[in-house]
Amino acid sequence: MYAIALRGRTVLKPQASYLVFTGVGGYIGFKYYQFKQFEGRLIENRRIVLLEKRAKRQEEAAAAAAAANAN
């Protein structure tokens, strides 16, 4: 209905439209960049946790193997 009410008239001047779309696009791009940085930190933190767990399992397996060889 809004488009029909306009009857083909421009809502804003072309310069104002450019500023609005540029501003909105910049904001969306910045928020996307922030999200990707946050996502990267989550992935890195998860990778560190998994590496620590793997190292712990390997230490336990080596200790168990050493104990089995000692007997």
PDB file of N, CA and C in Angstrom:
ATOM      1  N   MET A   1       0.821  -1.203   0.000  1.00  0.00           N
ATOM      2  CA  MET A   1       0.000   0.000   0.000  1.00  0.00           C
ATOM      3  C   MET A   1       0.859   1.259   0.000  1.00  0.00           C
ATOM      4  N   TYR A   2       1.979   1.171   0.677  1.00  0.00           N
ATOM      5  CA  TYR A   2       2.844   2.342   0.750  1.00  0.00           C
ATOM      6  C   TYR A   2       3.344   2.722  -0.638  1.00  0.00           C
ATOM      7  N   ALA A   3       3.733   1.729  -1.432  1.00  0.00           N
ATOM      8  CA  ALA A   3       4.232   2.006  -2.777  1.00  0.00           C
ATOM      9  C   ALA A   3       3.138   2.597  -3.648  1.00  0.00           C
ATOM     10  N   ILE A   4       1.931   2.144  -3.480  1.00  0.00           N
ATOM     11  CA  ILE A   4       0.824   2.688  -4.268  1.00  0.00           C
ATOM     12  C   ILE A   4       0.545   4.129  -3.839  1.00  0.00           C
ATOM     13  N   ALA A   5       0.668   4.422  -2.569  1.00  0.00           N
ATOM     14  CA  ALA A   5       0.407   5.773  -2.077  1.00  0.00           C
ATOM     15  C   ALA A   5       1.440   6.755  -2.603  1.00  0.00           C
ATOM     16  N   LEU A   6       2.641   6.288  -2.883  1.00  0.00           N
ATOM     17  CA  LEU A   6       3.684   7.187  -3.390  1.00  0.00           C
ATOM     18  C   LEU A   6       3.414   7.606  -4.830  1.00  0.00           C
ATOM     19  N   ARG A   7       2.780   6.751  -5.595  1.00  0.00           N
ATOM     20  CA  ARG A   7       2.448   7.011  -6.995  1.00  0.00           C
ATOM     21  C   ARG A   7       3.681   7.394  -7.819  1.00  0.00           C
ATOM     22  N   GLY A   8       4.775   6.681  -7.548  1.00  0.00           N
ATOM     23  CA  GLY A   8       5.963   6.883  -8.360  1.00  0.00           C
ATOM     24  C   GLY A   8       6.827   8.059  -7.959  1.00  0.00           C
ATOM     25  N   ARG A   9       6.454   8.783  -6.943  1.00  0.00           N
ATOM     26  CA  ARG A   9       7.267   9.926  -6.514  1.00  0.00           C
ATOM     27  C   ARG A   9       8.413   9.437  -5.633  1.00  0.00           C
ATOM     28  N   THR A  10       9.559  10.099  -5.730  1.00  0.00           N
ATOM     29  CA  THR A  10      10.689   9.723  -4.884  1.00  0.00           C
ATOM     30  C   THR A  10      10.441  10.181  -3.464  1.00  0.00           C
ATOM     31  N   VAL A  11      10.876   9.353  -2.541  1.00  0.00           N
ATOM     32  CA  VAL A  11      10.677   9.671  -1.130  1.00  0.00           C
ATOM     33  C   VAL A  11      11.739  10.661  -0.671  1.00  0.00           C
ATOM     34  N   LEU A  12      12.962  10.405  -1.054  1.00  0.00           N
ATOM     35  CA  LEU A  12      14.072  11.264  -0.655  1.00  0.00           C
ATOM     36  C   LEU A  12      14.788  11.773  -1.897  1.00  0.00           C
ATOM     37  N   LYS A  13      15.547  12.808  -1.747  1.00  0.00           N
ATOM     38  CA  LYS A  13      16.400  13.281  -2.832  1.00  0.00           C
ATOM     39  C   LYS A  13      17.457  12.213  -3.105  1.00  0.00           C
ATOM     40  N   PRO A  14      17.994  12.150  -4.312  1.00  0.00           N
ATOM     41  CA  PRO A  14      18.993  11.111  -4.616  1.00  0.00           C
ATOM     42  C   PRO A  14      20.202  11.145  -3.678  1.00  0.00           C
ATOM     43  N   GLN A  15      20.669  12.318  -3.302  1.00  0.00           N
ATOM     44  CA  GLN A  15      21.817  12.396  -2.397  1.00  0.00           C
ATOM     45  C   GLN A  15      21.469  11.837  -1.030  1.00  0.00           C
ATOM     46  N   ALA A  16      20.283  12.142  -0.555  1.00  0.00           N
ATOM     47  CA  ALA A  16      19.860  11.643   0.751  1.00  0.00           C
ATOM     48  C   ALA A  16      19.692  10.123   0.701  1.00  0.00           C
ATOM     49  N   SER A  17      19.137   9.619  -0.407  1.00  0.00           N
ATOM     50  CA  SER A  17      18.989   8.170  -0.545  1.00  0.00           C
ATOM     51  C   SER A  17      20.353   7.502  -0.528  1.00  0.00           C
ATOM     52  N   TYR A  18      21.314   8.098  -1.226  1.00  0.00           N
ATOM     53  CA  TYR A  18      22.663   7.543  -1.251  1.00  0.00           C
ATOM     54  C   TYR A  18      23.251   7.507   0.155  1.00  0.00           C
ATOM     55  N   LEU A  19      23.078   8.581   0.897  1.00  0.00           N
ATOM     56  CA  LEU A  19      23.599   8.623   2.261  1.00  0.00           C
ATOM     57  C   LEU A  19      22.926   7.578   3.144  1.00  0.00           C
ATOM     58  N   VAL A  20      21.624   7.438   3.010  1.00  0.00           N
ATOM     59  CA  VAL A  20      20.899   6.466   3.829  1.00  0.00           C
ATOM     60  C   VAL A  20      21.374   5.047   3.498  1.00  0.00           C
ATOM     61  N   PHE A  21      21.404   4.711   2.217  1.00  0.00           N
ATOM     62  CA  PHE A  21      21.808   3.355   1.834  1.00  0.00           C
ATOM     63  C   PHE A  21      23.266   3.089   2.159  1.00  0.00           C
ATOM     64  N   THR A  22      24.117   4.092   1.999  1.00  0.00           N
ATOM     65  CA  THR A  22      25.529   3.917   2.352  1.00  0.00           C
ATOM     66  C   THR A  22      25.675   3.713   3.855  1.00  0.00           C
ATOM     67  N   GLY A  23      24.965   4.501   4.631  1.00  0.00           N
ATOM     68  CA  GLY A  23      25.026   4.358   6.091  1.00  0.00           C
ATOM     69  C   GLY A  23      24.515   3.021   6.560  1.00  0.00           C
ATOM     70  N   VAL A  24      23.384   2.604   6.030  1.00  0.00           N
ATOM     71  CA  VAL A  24      22.812   1.313   6.424  1.00  0.00           C
ATOM     72  C   VAL A  24      23.728   0.176   5.986  1.00  0.00           C
ATOM     73  N   GLY A  25      24.247   0.263   4.773  1.00  0.00           N
ATOM     74  CA  GLY A  25      25.158  -0.772   4.291  1.00  0.00           C
ATOM     75  C   GLY A  25      26.426  -0.839   5.119  1.00  0.00           C
ATOM     76  N   GLY A  26      26.948   0.321   5.489  1.00  0.00           N
ATOM     77  CA  GLY A  26      28.141   0.342   6.335  1.00  0.00           C
ATOM     78  C   GLY A  26      27.871  -0.262   7.703  1.00  0.00           C
ATOM     79  N   TYR A  27      26.726   0.043   8.265  1.00  0.00           N
ATOM     80  CA  TYR A  27      26.368  -0.492   9.579  1.00  0.00           C
ATOM     81  C   TYR A  27      26.216  -2.015   9.515  1.00  0.00           C
ATOM     82  N   ILE A  28      25.513  -2.492   8.487  1.00  0.00           N
ATOM     83  CA  ILE A  28      25.328  -3.937   8.344  1.00  0.00           C
ATOM     84  C   ILE A  28      26.673  -4.618   8.131  1.00  0.00           C
ATOM     85  N   GLY A  29      27.526  -4.011   7.305  1.00  0.00           N
ATOM     86  CA  GLY A  29      28.852  -4.582   7.075  1.00  0.00           C
ATOM     87  C   GLY A  29      29.681  -4.621   8.339  1.00  0.00           C
ATOM     88  N   PHE A  30      29.616  -3.556   9.129  1.00  0.00           N
ATOM     89  CA  PHE A  30      30.366  -3.515  10.382  1.00  0.00           C
ATOM     90  C   PHE A  30      29.873  -4.563  11.356  1.00  0.00           C
ATOM     91  N   LYS A  31      28.567  -4.731  11.469  1.00  0.00           N
ATOM     92  CA  LYS A  31      28.008  -5.742  12.362  1.00  0.00           C
ATOM     93  C   LYS A  31      28.380  -7.147  11.890  1.00  0.00           C
ATOM     94  N   TYR A  32      28.411  -7.359  10.577  1.00  0.00           N
ATOM     95  CA  TYR A  32      28.833  -8.649  10.041  1.00  0.00           C
ATOM     96  C   TYR A  32      30.297  -8.906  10.381  1.00  0.00           C
ATOM     97  N   TYR A  33      31.122  -7.875  10.252  1.00  0.00           N
ATOM     98  CA  TYR A  33      32.540  -7.998  10.606  1.00  0.00           C
ATOM     99  C   TYR A  33      32.696  -8.337  12.085  1.00  0.00           C
ATOM    100  N   GLN A  34      31.945  -7.654  12.947  1.00  0.00           N
ATOM    101  CA  GLN A  34      31.998  -7.945  14.380  1.00  0.00           C
ATOM    102  C   GLN A  34      31.567  -9.382  14.659  1.00  0.00           C
ATOM    103  N   PHE A  35      30.519  -9.837  13.991  1.00  0.00           N
ATOM    104  CA  PHE A  35      30.038 -11.204  14.184  1.00  0.00           C
ATOM    105  C   PHE A  35      31.100 -12.207  13.768  1.00  0.00           C
ATOM    106  N   LYS A  36      31.752 -11.972  12.630  1.00  0.00           N
ATOM    107  CA  LYS A  36      32.779 -12.892  12.168  1.00  0.00           C
ATOM    108  C   LYS A  36      33.968 -12.913  13.124  1.00  0.00           C
ATOM    109  N   GLN A  37      34.333 -11.775  13.703  1.00  0.00           N
ATOM    110  CA  GLN A  37      35.407 -11.742  14.687  1.00  0.00           C
ATOM    111  C   GLN A  37      35.011 -12.543  15.927  1.00  0.00           C
ATOM    112  N   PHE A  38      33.784 -12.359  16.394  1.00  0.00           N
ATOM    113  CA  PHE A  38      33.285 -13.097  17.553  1.00  0.00           C
ATOM    114  C   PHE A  38      33.265 -14.591  17.260  1.00  0.00           C
ATOM    115  N   GLU A  39      32.782 -14.956  16.074  1.00  0.00           N
ATOM    116  CA  GLU A  39      32.727 -16.359  15.684  1.00  0.00           C
ATOM    117  C   GLU A  39      34.134 -16.957  15.632  1.00  0.00           C
ATOM    118  N   GLY A  40      35.090 -16.201  15.126  1.00  0.00           N
ATOM    119  CA  GLY A  40      36.474 -16.666  15.079  1.00  0.00           C
ATOM    120  C   GLY A  40      37.040 -16.910  16.464  1.00  0.00           C
ATOM    121  N   ARG A  41      36.704 -16.021  17.413  1.00  0.00           N
ATOM    122  CA  ARG A  41      37.169 -16.211  18.793  1.00  0.00           C
ATOM    123  C   ARG A  41      36.551 -17.462  19.405  1.00  0.00           C
ATOM    124  N   LEU A  42      35.269 -17.698  19.137  1.00  0.00           N
ATOM    125  CA  LEU A  42      34.624 -18.910  19.652  1.00  0.00           C
ATOM    126  C   LEU A  42      35.295 -20.158  19.103  1.00  0.00           C
ATOM    127  N   ILE A  43      35.584 -20.152  17.809  1.00  0.00           N
ATOM    128  CA  ILE A  43      36.222 -21.309  17.182  1.00  0.00           C
ATOM    129  C   ILE A  43      37.615 -21.519  17.763  1.00  0.00           C
ATOM    130  N   GLU A  44      38.361 -20.441  17.936  1.00  0.00           N
ATOM    131  CA  GLU A  44      39.717 -20.554  18.484  1.00  0.00           C
ATOM    132  C   GLU A  44      39.687 -21.085  19.916  1.00  0.00           C
ATOM    133  N   ASN A  45      38.754 -20.592  20.723  1.00  0.00           N
ATOM    134  CA  ASN A  45      38.638 -21.071  22.102  1.00  0.00           C
ATOM    135  C   ASN A  45      38.279 -22.560  22.133  1.00  0.00           C
ATOM    136  N   ARG A  46      37.379 -22.973  21.256  1.00  0.00           N
ATOM    137  CA  ARG A  46      36.995 -24.379  21.204  1.00  0.00           C
ATOM    138  C   ARG A  46      38.178 -25.243  20.768  1.00  0.00           C
ATOM    139  N   ARG A  47      38.954 -24.750  19.812  1.00  0.00           N
ATOM    140  CA  ARG A  47      40.123 -25.488  19.343  1.00  0.00           C
ATOM    141  C   ARG A  47      41.135 -25.674  20.471  1.00  0.00           C
ATOM    142  N   ILE A  48      41.339 -24.633  21.275  1.00  0.00           N
ATOM    143  CA  ILE A  48      42.279 -24.718  22.401  1.00  0.00           C
ATOM    144  C   ILE A  48      41.799 -25.764  23.410  1.00  0.00           C
ATOM    145  N   VAL A  49      40.505 -25.754  23.712  1.00  0.00           N
ATOM    146  CA  VAL A  49      39.952 -26.732  24.659  1.00  0.00           C
ATOM    147  C   VAL A  49      40.146 -28.144  24.132  1.00  0.00           C
ATOM    148  N   LEU A  50      39.865 -28.350  22.845  1.00  0.00           N
ATOM    149  CA  LEU A  50      40.008 -29.687  22.277  1.00  0.00           C
ATOM    150  C   LEU A  50      41.467 -30.135  22.265  1.00  0.00           C
ATOM    151  N   LEU A  51      42.393 -29.220  21.989  1.00  0.00           N
ATOM    152  CA  LEU A  51      43.812 -29.574  22.011  1.00  0.00           C
ATOM    153  C   LEU A  51      44.266 -29.961  23.415  1.00  0.00           C
ATOM    154  N   GLU A  52      43.770 -29.233  24.421  1.00  0.00           N
ATOM    155  CA  GLU A  52      44.121 -29.562  25.802  1.00  0.00           C
ATOM    156  C   GLU A  52      43.572 -30.928  26.195  1.00  0.00           C
ATOM    157  N   LYS A  53      42.329 -31.213  25.781  1.00  0.00           N
ATOM    158  CA  LYS A  53      41.744 -32.516  26.091  1.00  0.00           C
ATOM    159  C   LYS A  53      42.511 -33.642  25.399  1.00  0.00           C
ATOM    160  N   ARG A  54      42.925 -33.407  24.149  1.00  0.00           N
ATOM    161  CA  ARG A  54      43.688 -34.420  23.429  1.00  0.00           C
ATOM    162  C   ARG A  54      45.033 -34.672  24.102  1.00  0.00           C
ATOM    163  N   ALA A  55      45.703 -33.598  24.523  1.00  0.00           N
ATOM    164  CA  ALA A  55      46.998 -33.756  25.194  1.00  0.00           C
ATOM    165  C   ALA A  55      46.826 -34.540  26.496  1.00  0.00           C
ATOM    166  N   LYS A  56      45.751 -34.275  27.222  1.00  0.00           N
ATOM    167  CA  LYS A  56      45.491 -34.994  28.469  1.00  0.00           C
ATOM    168  C   LYS A  56      45.250 -36.482  28.195  1.00  0.00           C
ATOM    169  N   ARG A  57      44.460 -36.790  27.150  1.00  0.00           N
ATOM    170  CA  ARG A  57      44.210 -38.190  26.793  1.00  0.00           C
ATOM    171  C   ARG A  57      45.495 -38.892  26.384  1.00  0.00           C
ATOM    172  N   GLN A  58      46.337 -38.182  25.635  1.00  0.00           N
ATOM    173  CA  GLN A  58      47.601 -38.790  25.210  1.00  0.00           C
ATOM    174  C   GLN A  58      48.514 -39.056  26.405  1.00  0.00           C
ATOM    175  N   GLU A  59      48.548 -38.142  27.369  1.00  0.00           N
ATOM    176  CA  GLU A  59      49.350 -38.355  28.575  1.00  0.00           C
ATOM    177  C   GLU A  59      48.838 -39.570  29.353  1.00  0.00           C
ATOM    178  N   GLU A  60      47.507 -39.666  29.483  1.00  0.00           N
ATOM    179  CA  GLU A  60      46.929 -40.802  30.198  1.00  0.00           C
ATOM    180  C   GLU A  60      47.221 -42.114  29.467  1.00  0.00           C
ATOM    181  N   ALA A  61      47.147 -42.093  28.145  1.00  0.00           N
ATOM    182  CA  ALA A  61      47.422 -43.312  27.372  1.00  0.00           C
ATOM    183  C   ALA A  61      48.890 -43.691  27.493  1.00  0.00           C
ATOM    184  N   ALA A  62      49.782 -42.720  27.486  1.00  0.00           N
ATOM    185  CA  ALA A  62      51.211 -43.007  27.629  1.00  0.00           C
ATOM    186  C   ALA A  62      51.504 -43.560  29.019  1.00  0.00           C
ATOM    187  N   ALA A  63      50.871 -43.000  30.038  1.00  0.00           N
ATOM    188  CA  ALA A  63      51.053 -43.504  31.403  1.00  0.00           C
ATOM    189  C   ALA A  63      50.526 -44.922  31.530  1.00  0.00           C
ATOM    190  N   ALA A  64      49.398 -45.199  30.917  1.00  0.00           N
ATOM    191  CA  ALA A  64      48.828 -46.543  30.975  1.00  0.00           C
ATOM    192  C   ALA A  64      49.726 -47.522  30.229  1.00  0.00           C
ATOM    193  N   ALA A  65      50.278 -47.110  29.109  1.00  0.00           N
ATOM    194  CA  ALA A  65      51.178 -47.984  28.345  1.00  0.00           C
ATOM    195  C   ALA A  65      52.464 -48.241  29.122  1.00  0.00           C
ATOM    196  N   ALA A  66      52.971 -47.206  29.789  1.00  0.00           N
ATOM    197  CA  ALA A  66      54.179 -47.380  30.588  1.00  0.00           C
ATOM    198  C   ALA A  66      53.924 -48.308  31.763  1.00  0.00           C
ATOM    199  N   ALA A  67      52.754 -48.185  32.381  1.00  0.00           N
ATOM    200  CA  ALA A  67      52.395 -49.064  33.497  1.00  0.00           C
ATOM    201  C   ALA A  67      52.247 -50.507  33.015  1.00  0.00           C
ATOM    202  N   ALA A  68      51.694 -50.684  31.838  1.00  0.00           N
ATOM    203  CA  ALA A  68      51.516 -52.048  31.291  1.00  0.00           C
ATOM    204  C   ALA A  68      52.866 -52.655  30.936  1.00  0.00           C
ATOM    205  N   ASN A  69      53.790 -51.847  30.440  1.00  0.00           N
ATOM    206  CA  ASN A  69      55.121 -52.352  30.097  1.00  0.00           C
ATOM    207  C   ASN A  69      55.952 -52.646  31.356  1.00  0.00           C
ATOM    208  N   ALA A  70      55.678 -51.946  32.432  1.00  0.00           N
ATOM    209  CA  ALA A  70      56.407 -52.151  33.678  1.00  0.00           C
ATOM    210  C   ALA A  70      56.060 -53.505  34.307  1.00  0.00           C
ATOM    211  N   ASN A  71      54.862 -53.950  34.083  1.00  0.00           N
ATOM    212  CA  ASN A  71      54.420 -55.217  34.673  1.00  0.00           C
ATOM    213  C   ASN A  71      54.944 -56.310  33.852  1.00  0.00           C
TER     214      ASN A  71
END
